[in-house]
Amino acid sequence: LTILYASMLWAINGISISQSTIGNGLESQTLNVLAKDREGRLWVGSDVGLSVISNGTVTNIREIVSGGGLVMLGNVSNIVCTESVLLACKDRILHYDPKNGFAETLKYDDVILNTRSFLLEGDIVTFYDANQNNLFSYNMNSSECRLVASFTGKEDFDFVKILRSESDSSTIYLADDRLGLYRFDRQSGTISHIPGTDSPLIAKATVIDRSNVIWVSVPSKGIKGYYINSNYEKIAEYNTGNCMMLSDDVSYITPLPDGNLLTCHSEKGSCVITRNGLNNGIIEVNNIGNLKNITSTLVNNENKESLYATAGFGLISMRK
């Protein structure tokens, strides 16, 4: 199948935005996640399964051969790619080999694993399984699954986002809607809440930009930025009280290639916050009403282009 695009184009502050609806191709406009593999193919997880886009051609996958039978993918919530693909599905993690079309279900001590967030570093994937309250790592080459840390008996965690800064591989960050933001020290194996940060959070919106600022979304209070290099000092806060944001409820945050921020406010649309340096200064805020319900982003820093998956509005590209 070939993607057929019907595009609406508009420009804001030098940013060109193309919103594409798909006539033939993807089976759903409700998209959860985007990932690109090492061969340049785009992998799209949706509420009905998986799609692979290569040279304008779409292959839709609703079921995968695994363990001698067929596994229905259902809702694919997260994807990471190397030469093979790791999929977070409705009830399990699948390691899929696109060369032979087969997948293996990830298990530890014969227990099926599941997650909502992956952290890919080279060929190693770190993820958190809420059912077991454990942190795992998985080698995409050797298919070895290793227990990194068990949090049983510590807190009733439910981490929905796992991430790290580009400059420090010894620490990973985990975000929980109810409990807030935590840091895990890989060397000591200890986990601790980051003091001074908010809870509850909209944890899935948490990101770290290239300046080592952790951005979090606080329900009904906008977004806040904490500088990792300064002991997590709060260095910025944006809400309807100090800038022209569409709403104080932010469902998604993504750093743009030029160092500015894009915030999504669900059905109300999105804002581009043009920032003045590291601290709280704002040059301007531009509202983009048609950019709604963002769920995932792929950013190309070289050509300053971003591709967005949305819930209900298909794929959207933005270029400056």
C-alpha atoms as a PDB file:
ATOM      1  CA  LEU A   1       0.000   0.000   0.000  1.00  0.00           C
ATOM      2  CA  THR A   2       1.140   3.530  -0.722  1.00  0.00           C
ATOM      3  CA  ILE A   3       0.389   6.415   1.621  1.00  0.00           C
ATOM      4  CA  LEU A   4      -1.908   9.030   0.110  1.00  0.00           C
ATOM      5  CA  TYR A   5      -1.555  12.417   1.766  1.00  0.00           C
ATOM      6  CA  ALA A   6      -4.030  15.265   2.054  1.00  0.00           C
ATOM      7  CA  SER A   7      -2.065  18.056   3.675  1.00  0.00           C
ATOM      8  CA  MET A   8      -2.918  21.299   5.394  1.00  0.00           C
ATOM      9  CA  LEU A   9       0.027  23.677   5.457  1.00  0.00           C
ATOM     10  CA  TRP A  10       0.515  26.694   7.688  1.00  0.00           C
ATOM     11  CA  ALA A  11       3.502  28.618   9.013  1.00  0.00           C
ATOM     12  CA  ILE A  12       4.243  30.209  12.381  1.00  0.00           C
ATOM     13  CA  ASN A  13       7.396  32.170  13.159  1.00  0.00           C
ATOM     14  CA  GLY A  14       9.297  30.527  10.326  1.00  0.00           C
ATOM     15  CA  ILE A  15       8.025  27.036  11.182  1.00  0.00           C
ATOM     16  CA  SER A  16       6.342  25.105   8.360  1.00  0.00           C
ATOM     17  CA  ILE A  17       3.783  22.545   9.522  1.00  0.00           C
ATOM     18  CA  SER A  18       2.194  19.805   7.430  1.00  0.00           C
ATOM     19  CA  GLN A  19      -0.704  17.789   8.820  1.00  0.00           C
ATOM     20  CA  SER A  20      -1.312  14.596   6.872  1.00  0.00           C
ATOM     21  CA  THR A  21      -4.407  12.435   6.842  1.00  0.00           C
ATOM     22  CA  ILE A  22      -3.964   9.034   5.320  1.00  0.00           C
ATOM     23  CA  GLY A  23      -6.372   7.766   2.692  1.00  0.00           C
ATOM     24  CA  ASN A  24      -4.721   4.399   2.136  1.00  0.00           C
ATOM     25  CA  GLY A  25      -1.983   3.007   4.350  1.00  0.00           C
ATOM     26  CA  LEU A  26      -2.087   3.068   8.124  1.00  0.00           C
ATOM     27  CA  GLU A  27      -5.056   1.208   9.546  1.00  0.00           C
ATOM     28  CA  SER A  28      -5.636   3.723  12.335  1.00  0.00           C
ATOM     29  CA  GLN A  29      -5.278   7.448  12.939  1.00  0.00           C
ATOM     30  CA  THR A  30      -4.858   6.768  16.676  1.00  0.00           C
ATOM     31  CA  LEU A  31      -1.075   6.472  16.914  1.00  0.00           C
ATOM     32  CA  ASN A  32       0.923   5.814  20.088  1.00  0.00           C
ATOM     33  CA  VAL A  33       4.596   5.757  19.163  1.00  0.00           C
ATOM     34  CA  LEU A  34       7.119   6.330  16.376  1.00  0.00           C
ATOM     35  CA  ALA A  35      10.553   4.720  16.009  1.00  0.00           C
ATOM     36  CA  LYS A  36      13.111   4.495  13.211  1.00  0.00           C
ATOM     37  CA  ASP A  37      15.353   1.461  12.712  1.00  0.00           C
ATOM     38  CA  ARG A  38      18.936   1.379  11.478  1.00  0.00           C
ATOM     39  CA  GLU A  39      17.795   0.816   7.898  1.00  0.00           C
ATOM     40  CA  GLY A  40      15.685   3.980   7.949  1.00  0.00           C
ATOM     41  CA  ARG A  41      12.275   2.315   8.174  1.00  0.00           C
ATOM     42  CA  LEU A  42       9.607   4.058  10.247  1.00  0.00           C
ATOM     43  CA  TRP A  43       7.770   1.885  12.772  1.00  0.00           C
ATOM     44  CA  VAL A  44       4.391   3.095  13.991  1.00  0.00           C
ATOM     45  CA  GLY A  45       2.512   1.631  16.959  1.00  0.00           C
ATOM     46  CA  SER A  46      -1.233   2.214  17.062  1.00  0.00           C
ATOM     47  CA  ASP A  47      -4.311   1.107  18.947  1.00  0.00           C
ATOM     48  CA  VAL A  48      -4.796  -1.790  16.507  1.00  0.00           C
ATOM     49  CA  GLY A  49      -1.236  -3.015  15.937  1.00  0.00           C
ATOM     50  CA  LEU A  50       1.934  -2.141  14.072  1.00  0.00           C
ATOM     51  CA  SER A  51       2.751  -0.434  10.761  1.00  0.00           C
ATOM     52  CA  VAL A  52       6.082  -0.234   8.942  1.00  0.00           C
ATOM     53  CA  ILE A  53       6.690   2.577   6.445  1.00  0.00           C
ATOM     54  CA  SER A  54       9.530   2.162   3.962  1.00  0.00           C
ATOM     55  CA  ASN A  55       9.998   4.258   0.811  1.00  0.00           C
ATOM     56  CA  GLY A  56       6.376   5.420   0.992  1.00  0.00           C
ATOM     57  CA  THR A  57       4.971   1.891   1.290  1.00  0.00           C
ATOM     58  CA  VAL A  58       3.064   0.767   4.373  1.00  0.00           C
ATOM     59  CA  THR A  59       2.988  -2.776   5.749  1.00  0.00           C
ATOM     60  CA  ASN A  60       0.368  -3.288   8.458  1.00  0.00           C
ATOM     61  CA  ILE A  61       0.854  -6.030  11.056  1.00  0.00           C
ATOM     62  CA  ARG A  62      -1.918  -7.070  13.446  1.00  0.00           C
ATOM     63  CA  GLU A  63      -0.564 -10.471  14.454  1.00  0.00           C
ATOM     64  CA  ILE A  64       2.902 -11.992  14.779  1.00  0.00           C
ATOM     65  CA  VAL A  65       4.110 -15.577  14.875  1.00  0.00           C
ATOM     66  CA  SER A  66       5.542 -16.307  18.315  1.00  0.00           C
ATOM     67  CA  GLY A  67       6.196 -19.563  20.133  1.00  0.00           C
ATOM     68  CA  GLY A  68       4.565 -21.695  17.472  1.00  0.00           C
ATOM     69  CA  GLY A  69       1.333 -19.678  17.397  1.00  0.00           C
ATOM     70  CA  LEU A  70      -0.099 -16.304  16.477  1.00  0.00           C
ATOM     71  CA  VAL A  71      -0.059 -13.400  18.929  1.00  0.00           C
ATOM     72  CA  MET A  72      -2.548 -10.566  18.373  1.00  0.00           C
ATOM     73  CA  LEU A  73      -0.710  -7.307  18.938  1.00  0.00           C
ATOM     74  CA  GLY A  74      -3.644  -5.085  19.884  1.00  0.00           C
ATOM     75  CA  ASN A  75      -2.509  -1.769  21.347  1.00  0.00           C
ATOM     76  CA  VAL A  76       1.223  -1.185  20.709  1.00  0.00           C
ATOM     77  CA  SER A  77       2.289   1.448  23.237  1.00  0.00           C
ATOM     78  CA  ASN A  78       6.059   1.601  22.736  1.00  0.00           C
ATOM     79  CA  ILE A  79       8.737   0.589  20.228  1.00  0.00           C
ATOM     80  CA  VAL A  80      12.532   0.636  20.079  1.00  0.00           C
ATOM     81  CA  CYS A  81      14.596  -0.487  17.087  1.00  0.00           C
ATOM     82  CA  THR A  82      18.072  -1.720  16.260  1.00  0.00           C
ATOM     83  CA  GLU A  83      18.305  -4.311  13.484  1.00  0.00           C
ATOM     84  CA  SER A  84      15.361  -5.949  15.256  1.00  0.00           C
ATOM     85  CA  VAL A  85      12.392  -4.430  17.058  1.00  0.00           C
ATOM     86  CA  LEU A  86      11.134  -4.497  20.645  1.00  0.00           C
ATOM     87  CA  LEU A  87       7.383  -3.979  21.037  1.00  0.00           C
ATOM     88  CA  ALA A  88       5.381  -3.150  24.164  1.00  0.00           C
ATOM     89  CA  CYS A  89       1.968  -4.665  23.433  1.00  0.00           C
ATOM     90  CA  LYS A  90      -1.246  -4.984  25.409  1.00  0.00           C
ATOM     91  CA  ASP A  91      -0.040  -7.818  27.662  1.00  0.00           C
ATOM     92  CA  ARG A  92       3.615  -8.521  26.839  1.00  0.00           C
ATOM     93  CA  ILE A  93       6.912  -7.417  25.314  1.00  0.00           C
ATOM     94  CA  LEU A  94       7.788  -8.971  21.960  1.00  0.00           C
ATOM     95  CA  HIS A  95      11.226  -9.111  20.348  1.00  0.00           C
ATOM     96  CA  TYR A  96      10.450  -9.100  16.626  1.00  0.00           C
ATOM     97  CA  ASP A  97      12.847 -10.008  13.828  1.00  0.00           C
ATOM     98  CA  PRO A  98      11.632  -8.344  10.593  1.00  0.00           C
ATOM     99  CA  LYS A  99      13.907 -10.590   8.524  1.00  0.00           C
ATOM    100  CA  ASN A 100      11.997 -13.777   9.322  1.00  0.00           C
ATOM    101  CA  GLY A 101       8.724 -12.369  10.695  1.00  0.00           C
ATOM    102  CA  PHE A 102       9.035 -14.214  14.018  1.00  0.00           C
ATOM    103  CA  ALA A 103       8.917 -12.826  17.554  1.00  0.00           C
ATOM    104  CA  GLU A 104       9.869 -14.029  21.011  1.00  0.00           C
ATOM    105  CA  THR A 105       7.955 -13.103  24.168  1.00  0.00           C
ATOM    106  CA  LEU A 106      10.235 -11.630  26.832  1.00  0.00           C
ATOM    107  CA  LYS A 107      10.238 -13.588  30.080  1.00  0.00           C
ATOM    108  CA  TYR A 108      12.179 -13.590  33.322  1.00  0.00           C
ATOM    109  CA  ASP A 109      12.030 -16.713  35.495  1.00  0.00           C
ATOM    110  CA  ASP A 110       9.283 -17.928  33.115  1.00  0.00           C
ATOM    111  CA  VAL A 111       7.115 -14.873  33.883  1.00  0.00           C
ATOM    112  CA  ILE A 112       5.943 -12.802  30.887  1.00  0.00           C
ATOM    113  CA  LEU A 113       7.223  -9.228  31.074  1.00  0.00           C
ATOM    114  CA  ASN A 114       5.426  -6.022  30.146  1.00  0.00           C
ATOM    115  CA  THR A 115       6.168  -2.299  30.219  1.00  0.00           C
ATOM    116  CA  ARG A 116       5.005   1.127  29.059  1.00  0.00           C
ATOM    117  CA  SER A 117       8.408   2.718  28.421  1.00  0.00           C
ATOM    118  CA  PHE A 118      11.761   1.681  26.936  1.00  0.00           C
ATOM    119  CA  LEU A 119      15.182   3.314  27.233  1.00  0.00           C
ATOM    120  CA  LEU A 120      17.456   2.292  24.329  1.00  0.00           C
ATOM    121  CA  GLU A 121      21.225   2.750  24.701  1.00  0.00           C
ATOM    122  CA  GLY A 122      23.154   1.129  21.863  1.00  0.00           C
ATOM    123  CA  ASP A 123      21.848  -2.444  21.814  1.00  0.00           C
ATOM    124  CA  ILE A 124      20.736  -2.470  25.469  1.00  0.00           C
ATOM    125  CA  VAL A 125      17.144  -1.675  26.469  1.00  0.00           C
ATOM    126  CA  THR A 126      16.187  -0.778  30.037  1.00  0.00           C
ATOM    127  CA  PHE A 127      12.538  -1.013  31.103  1.00  0.00           C
ATOM    128  CA  TYR A 128      10.333  -1.168  34.182  1.00  0.00           C
ATOM    129  CA  ASP A 129       7.707  -3.860  34.743  1.00  0.00           C
ATOM    130  CA  ALA A 130       4.939  -2.579  37.031  1.00  0.00           C
ATOM    131  CA  ASN A 131       3.476  -6.044  37.670  1.00  0.00           C
ATOM    132  CA  GLN A 132       6.721  -7.177  39.278  1.00  0.00           C
ATOM    133  CA  ASN A 133       7.908  -3.726  40.451  1.00  0.00           C
ATOM    134  CA  ASN A 134      11.292  -4.521  38.916  1.00  0.00           C
ATOM    135  CA  LEU A 135      13.759  -2.807  36.591  1.00  0.00           C
ATOM    136  CA  PHE A 136      15.200  -4.954  33.781  1.00  0.00           C
ATOM    137  CA  SER A 137      17.740  -4.697  30.986  1.00  0.00           C
ATOM    138  CA  TYR A 138      17.587  -6.587  27.702  1.00  0.00           C
ATOM    139  CA  ASN A 139      20.340  -7.179  25.149  1.00  0.00           C
ATOM    140  CA  MET A 140      18.892  -6.917  21.625  1.00  0.00           C
ATOM    141  CA  ASN A 141      21.803  -8.944  20.195  1.00  0.00           C
ATOM    142  CA  SER A 142      22.071 -11.822  22.663  1.00  0.00           C
ATOM    143  CA  SER A 143      18.387 -11.766  23.779  1.00  0.00           C
ATOM    144  CA  GLU A 144      19.587 -11.887  27.394  1.00  0.00           C
ATOM    145  CA  CYS A 145      17.218 -10.411  29.981  1.00  0.00           C
ATOM    146  CA  ARG A 146      18.762  -9.297  33.268  1.00  0.00           C
ATOM    147  CA  LEU A 147      17.240  -8.066  36.536  1.00  0.00           C
ATOM    148  CA  VAL A 148      18.728  -4.631  37.271  1.00  0.00           C
ATOM    149  CA  ALA A 149      16.872  -3.798  40.491  1.00  0.00           C
ATOM    150  CA  SER A 150      13.894  -4.980  42.500  1.00  0.00           C
ATOM    151  CA  PHE A 151      11.770  -2.337  44.224  1.00  0.00           C
ATOM    152  CA  THR A 152       9.524  -4.821  46.001  1.00  0.00           C
ATOM    153  CA  GLY A 153       8.830  -3.672  49.546  1.00  0.00           C
ATOM    154  CA  LYS A 154      10.097  -0.122  48.906  1.00  0.00           C
ATOM    155  CA  GLU A 155       7.224   1.746  47.238  1.00  0.00           C
ATOM    156  CA  ASP A 156       4.197   0.832  45.190  1.00  0.00           C
ATOM    157  CA  PHE A 157       5.714   2.348  42.059  1.00  0.00           C
ATOM    158  CA  ASP A 158       4.038   2.586  38.668  1.00  0.00           C
ATOM    159  CA  PHE A 159       6.639   4.208  36.448  1.00  0.00           C
ATOM    160  CA  VAL A 160       5.317   5.138  32.999  1.00  0.00           C
ATOM    161  CA  LYS A 161       8.424   6.914  31.654  1.00  0.00           C
ATOM    162  CA  ILE A 162      12.126   6.021  31.802  1.00  0.00           C
ATOM    163  CA  LEU A 163      14.815   8.359  30.461  1.00  0.00           C
ATOM    164  CA  ARG A 164      18.376   9.677  30.897  1.00  0.00           C
ATOM    165  CA  SER A 165      20.421  12.705  29.951  1.00  0.00           C
ATOM    166  CA  GLU A 166      22.837  12.495  27.029  1.00  0.00           C
ATOM    167  CA  SER A 167      25.778  13.507  29.240  1.00  0.00           C
ATOM    168  CA  ASP A 168      25.385  11.033  32.128  1.00  0.00           C
ATOM    169  CA  SER A 169      24.866   7.318  31.609  1.00  0.00           C
ATOM    170  CA  SER A 170      25.232   6.470  35.315  1.00  0.00           C
ATOM    171  CA  THR A 171      21.798   7.843  36.253  1.00  0.00           C
ATOM    172  CA  ILE A 172      18.373   7.091  34.838  1.00  0.00           C
ATOM    173  CA  TYR A 173      15.152   8.890  35.676  1.00  0.00           C
ATOM    174  CA  LEU A 174      11.744   7.341  36.229  1.00  0.00           C
ATOM    175  CA  ALA A 175       8.440   9.214  36.340  1.00  0.00           C
ATOM    176  CA  ASP A 176       5.331   8.080  38.217  1.00  0.00           C
ATOM    177  CA  ASP A 177       1.976   9.867  37.869  1.00  0.00           C
ATOM    178  CA  ARG A 178       1.220   9.694  41.591  1.00  0.00           C
ATOM    179  CA  LEU A 179       4.655   9.722  43.229  1.00  0.00           C
ATOM    180  CA  GLY A 180       6.562  12.044  40.900  1.00  0.00           C
ATOM    181  CA  LEU A 181      10.165  11.982  39.645  1.00  0.00           C
ATOM    182  CA  TYR A 182      12.855   9.551  40.823  1.00  0.00           C
ATOM    183  CA  ARG A 183      16.509   9.000  40.036  1.00  0.00           C
ATOM    184  CA  PHE A 184      18.166   5.573  39.918  1.00  0.00           C
ATOM    185  CA  ASP A 185      21.929   5.338  40.442  1.00  0.00           C
ATOM    186  CA  ARG A 186      23.202   2.474  38.322  1.00  0.00           C
ATOM    187  CA  GLN A 187      26.456   2.139  40.234  1.00  0.00           C
ATOM    188  CA  SER A 188      24.958   1.823  43.721  1.00  0.00           C
ATOM    189  CA  GLY A 189      21.597   0.365  42.642  1.00  0.00           C
ATOM    190  CA  THR A 190      19.717   2.885  44.778  1.00  0.00           C
ATOM    191  CA  ILE A 191      16.562   4.813  43.908  1.00  0.00           C
ATOM    192  CA  SER A 192      15.478   8.113  45.445  1.00  0.00           C
ATOM    193  CA  HIS A 193      12.870  10.802  44.948  1.00  0.00           C
ATOM    194  CA  ILE A 194      14.292  14.044  43.568  1.00  0.00           C
ATOM    195  CA  PRO A 195      13.645  16.623  46.313  1.00  0.00           C
ATOM    196  CA  GLY A 196      11.910  19.820  45.319  1.00  0.00           C
ATOM    197  CA  THR A 197      10.176  18.286  42.303  1.00  0.00           C
ATOM    198  CA  ASP A 198       6.415  18.083  42.080  1.00  0.00           C
ATOM    199  CA  SER A 199       3.978  15.244  42.519  1.00  0.00           C
ATOM    200  CA  PRO A 200       1.608  14.222  41.133  1.00  0.00           C
ATOM    201  CA  LEU A 201       2.752  14.519  37.525  1.00  0.00           C
ATOM    202  CA  ILE A 202       1.549  13.759  34.044  1.00  0.00           C
ATOM    203  CA  ALA A 203       4.466  11.354  33.936  1.00  0.00           C
ATOM    204  CA  LYS A 204       4.322  10.383  30.259  1.00  0.00           C
ATOM    205  CA  ALA A 205       5.097  14.017  29.323  1.00  0.00           C
ATOM    206  CA  THR A 206       8.471  14.055  31.128  1.00  0.00           C
ATOM    207  CA  VAL A 207      11.478  14.811  28.889  1.00  0.00           C
ATOM    208  CA  ILE A 208      15.141  15.827  29.176  1.00  0.00           C
ATOM    209  CA  ASP A 209      16.434  18.396  26.694  1.00  0.00           C
ATOM    210  CA  ARG A 210      19.968  18.789  25.312  1.00  0.00           C
ATOM    211  CA  SER A 211      20.767  21.393  27.983  1.00  0.00           C
ATOM    212  CA  ASN A 212      20.170  18.781  30.724  1.00  0.00           C
ATOM    213  CA  VAL A 213      16.894  20.281  31.861  1.00  0.00           C
ATOM    214  CA  ILE A 214      14.182  17.852  32.987  1.00  0.00           C
ATOM    215  CA  TRP A 215      10.771  19.158  31.948  1.00  0.00           C
ATOM    216  CA  VAL A 216       7.712  17.892  33.810  1.00  0.00           C
ATOM    217  CA  SER A 217       4.006  18.531  33.436  1.00  0.00           C
ATOM    218  CA  VAL A 218       2.134  19.281  36.657  1.00  0.00           C
ATOM    219  CA  PRO A 219      -1.664  18.831  36.484  1.00  0.00           C
ATOM    220  CA  SER A 220      -3.412  22.226  36.156  1.00  0.00           C
ATOM    221  CA  LYS A 221      -0.112  24.073  36.790  1.00  0.00           C
ATOM    222  CA  GLY A 222       1.664  24.033  33.423  1.00  0.00           C
ATOM    223  CA  ILE A 223       5.262  22.836  33.058  1.00  0.00           C
ATOM    224  CA  LYS A 224       8.429  23.182  35.141  1.00  0.00           C
ATOM    225  CA  GLY A 225      12.100  22.734  34.273  1.00  0.00           C
ATOM    226  CA  TYR A 226      14.740  21.367  36.663  1.00  0.00           C
ATOM    227  CA  TYR A 227      18.427  21.746  35.809  1.00  0.00           C
ATOM    228  CA  ILE A 228      20.311  18.490  36.353  1.00  0.00           C
ATOM    229  CA  ASN A 229      23.732  20.171  36.487  1.00  0.00           C
ATOM    230  CA  SER A 230      22.633  22.446  39.356  1.00  0.00           C
ATOM    231  CA  ASN A 231      21.300  19.818  41.766  1.00  0.00           C
ATOM    232  CA  TYR A 232      17.858  19.867  40.110  1.00  0.00           C
ATOM    233  CA  GLU A 233      17.275  23.554  40.706  1.00  0.00           C
ATOM    234  CA  LYS A 234      13.997  24.768  39.235  1.00  0.00           C
ATOM    235  CA  ILE A 235      15.081  27.164  36.490  1.00  0.00           C
ATOM    236  CA  ALA A 236      11.859  27.691  34.533  1.00  0.00           C
ATOM    237  CA  GLU A 237       8.092  27.516  34.937  1.00  0.00           C
ATOM    238  CA  TYR A 238       5.531  28.179  32.204  1.00  0.00           C
ATOM    239  CA  ASN A 239       1.778  28.442  32.670  1.00  0.00           C
ATOM    240  CA  THR A 240      -1.154  30.640  31.649  1.00  0.00           C
ATOM    241  CA  GLY A 241      -0.188  33.093  34.366  1.00  0.00           C
ATOM    242  CA  ASN A 242       3.178  34.041  32.858  1.00  0.00           C
ATOM    243  CA  CYS A 243       2.771  33.228  29.167  1.00  0.00           C
ATOM    244  CA  MET A 244       0.041  32.778  26.560  1.00  0.00           C
ATOM    245  CA  MET A 245      -0.212  29.000  26.781  1.00  0.00           C
ATOM    246  CA  LEU A 246      -3.484  27.420  25.665  1.00  0.00           C
ATOM    247  CA  SER A 247      -4.012  25.682  29.001  1.00  0.00           C
ATOM    248  CA  ASP A 248      -2.266  24.744  32.249  1.00  0.00           C
ATOM    249  CA  ASP A 249      -2.944  21.068  31.486  1.00  0.00           C
ATOM    250  CA  VAL A 250      -0.057  19.827  29.333  1.00  0.00           C
ATOM    251  CA  SER A 251      -0.346  16.302  27.955  1.00  0.00           C
ATOM    252  CA  TYR A 252       2.959  16.206  26.054  1.00  0.00           C
ATOM    253  CA  ILE A 253       6.281  18.093  25.966  1.00  0.00           C
ATOM    254  CA  THR A 254       9.006  17.862  23.340  1.00  0.00           C
ATOM    255  CA  PRO A 255      12.215  19.878  22.896  1.00  0.00           C
ATOM    256  CA  LEU A 256      12.514  21.283  19.371  1.00  0.00           C
ATOM    257  CA  PRO A 257      15.778  21.119  17.374  1.00  0.00           C
ATOM    258  CA  ASP A 258      16.409  24.839  17.929  1.00  0.00           C
ATOM    259  CA  GLY A 259      16.306  24.464  21.745  1.00  0.00           C
ATOM    260  CA  ASN A 260      12.766  25.762  22.197  1.00  0.00           C
ATOM    261  CA  LEU A 261       9.807  23.775  23.524  1.00  0.00           C
ATOM    262  CA  LEU A 262       6.571  22.459  22.103  1.00  0.00           C
ATOM    263  CA  THR A 263       3.778  21.725  24.556  1.00  0.00           C
ATOM    264  CA  CYS A 264       0.595  19.879  23.638  1.00  0.00           C
ATOM    265  CA  HIS A 265      -2.672  20.549  25.456  1.00  0.00           C
ATOM    266  CA  SER A 266      -4.696  17.538  24.242  1.00  0.00           C
ATOM    267  CA  GLU A 267      -7.670  18.638  22.116  1.00  0.00           C
ATOM    268  CA  LYS A 268      -6.915  22.359  22.557  1.00  0.00           C
ATOM    269  CA  GLY A 269      -3.792  22.212  20.401  1.00  0.00           C
ATOM    270  CA  SER A 270      -0.127  22.999  20.994  1.00  0.00           C
ATOM    271  CA  CYS A 271       2.219  25.889  21.784  1.00  0.00           C
ATOM    272  CA  VAL A 272       5.748  26.671  20.643  1.00  0.00           C
ATOM    273  CA  ILE A 273       7.583  28.402  23.496  1.00  0.00           C
ATOM    274  CA  THR A 274      10.520  30.401  22.143  1.00  0.00           C
ATOM    275  CA  ARG A 275      12.910  30.560  25.086  1.00  0.00           C
ATOM    276  CA  ASN A 276      15.571  33.132  25.925  1.00  0.00           C
ATOM    277  CA  GLY A 277      18.480  31.052  27.191  1.00  0.00           C
ATOM    278  CA  LEU A 278      18.519  28.514  30.014  1.00  0.00           C
ATOM    279  CA  ASN A 279      16.402  30.371  32.534  1.00  0.00           C
ATOM    280  CA  ASN A 280      12.785  31.454  32.611  1.00  0.00           C
ATOM    281  CA  GLY A 281      12.902  34.210  29.971  1.00  0.00           C
ATOM    282  CA  ILE A 282      10.417  33.912  27.100  1.00  0.00           C
ATOM    283  CA  ILE A 283      10.706  35.649  23.752  1.00  0.00           C
ATOM    284  CA  GLU A 284       7.248  34.635  22.566  1.00  0.00           C
ATOM    285  CA  VAL A 285       4.632  31.879  22.590  1.00  0.00           C
ATOM    286  CA  ASN A 286       2.878  30.766  19.399  1.00  0.00           C
ATOM    287  CA  ASN A 287      -0.304  28.709  19.596  1.00  0.00           C
ATOM    288  CA  ILE A 288      -0.914  25.957  17.040  1.00  0.00           C
ATOM    289  CA  GLY A 289      -4.561  24.999  17.377  1.00  0.00           C
ATOM    290  CA  ASN A 290      -4.472  22.249  14.744  1.00  0.00           C
ATOM    291  CA  LEU A 291      -1.609  20.293  16.335  1.00  0.00           C
ATOM    292  CA  LYS A 292      -3.565  18.149  18.799  1.00  0.00           C
ATOM    293  CA  ASN A 293      -3.222  15.018  20.907  1.00  0.00           C
ATOM    294  CA  ILE A 294       0.511  14.407  20.338  1.00  0.00           C
ATOM    295  CA  THR A 295       1.661  11.008  21.597  1.00  0.00           C
ATOM    296  CA  SER A 296       5.189  10.578  20.185  1.00  0.00           C
ATOM    297  CA  THR A 297       7.929  12.540  18.405  1.00  0.00           C
ATOM    298  CA  LEU A 298      10.876  11.838  16.129  1.00  0.00           C
ATOM    299  CA  VAL A 299      13.278  14.774  15.815  1.00  0.00           C
ATOM    300  CA  ASN A 300      15.894  15.198  13.082  1.00  0.00           C
ATOM    301  CA  ASN A 301      18.307  17.802  14.468  1.00  0.00           C
ATOM    302  CA  GLU A 302      20.234  18.056  11.192  1.00  0.00           C
ATOM    303  CA  ASN A 303      17.378  19.319   9.021  1.00  0.00           C
ATOM    304  CA  LYS A 304      15.387  20.722  11.973  1.00  0.00           C
ATOM    305  CA  GLU A 305      12.356  18.581  11.208  1.00  0.00           C
ATOM    306  CA  SER A 306      10.039  16.884  13.692  1.00  0.00           C
ATOM    307  CA  LEU A 307       7.524  14.126  13.011  1.00  0.00           C
ATOM    308  CA  TYR A 308       4.586  13.691  15.397  1.00  0.00           C
ATOM    309  CA  ALA A 309       2.236  10.809  16.080  1.00  0.00           C
ATOM    310  CA  THR A 310      -1.194  11.879  17.304  1.00  0.00           C
ATOM    311  CA  ALA A 311      -4.245  10.221  18.802  1.00  0.00           C
ATOM    312  CA  GLY A 312      -6.914  10.679  16.161  1.00  0.00           C
ATOM    313  CA  PHE A 313      -5.110  12.952  13.692  1.00  0.00           C
ATOM    314  CA  GLY A 314      -2.496  10.694  12.077  1.00  0.00           C
ATOM    315  CA  LEU A 315       1.049  11.876  11.334  1.00  0.00           C
ATOM    316  CA  ILE A 316       2.166  15.522  11.425  1.00  0.00           C
ATOM    317  CA  SER A 317       5.507  16.971  10.299  1.00  0.00           C
ATOM    318  CA  MET A 318       7.017  20.290  11.352  1.00  0.00           C
ATOM    319  CA  ARG A 319      10.079  21.937   9.838  1.00  0.00           C
ATOM    320  CA  LYS A 320      11.850  25.191  10.547  1.00  0.00           C
END
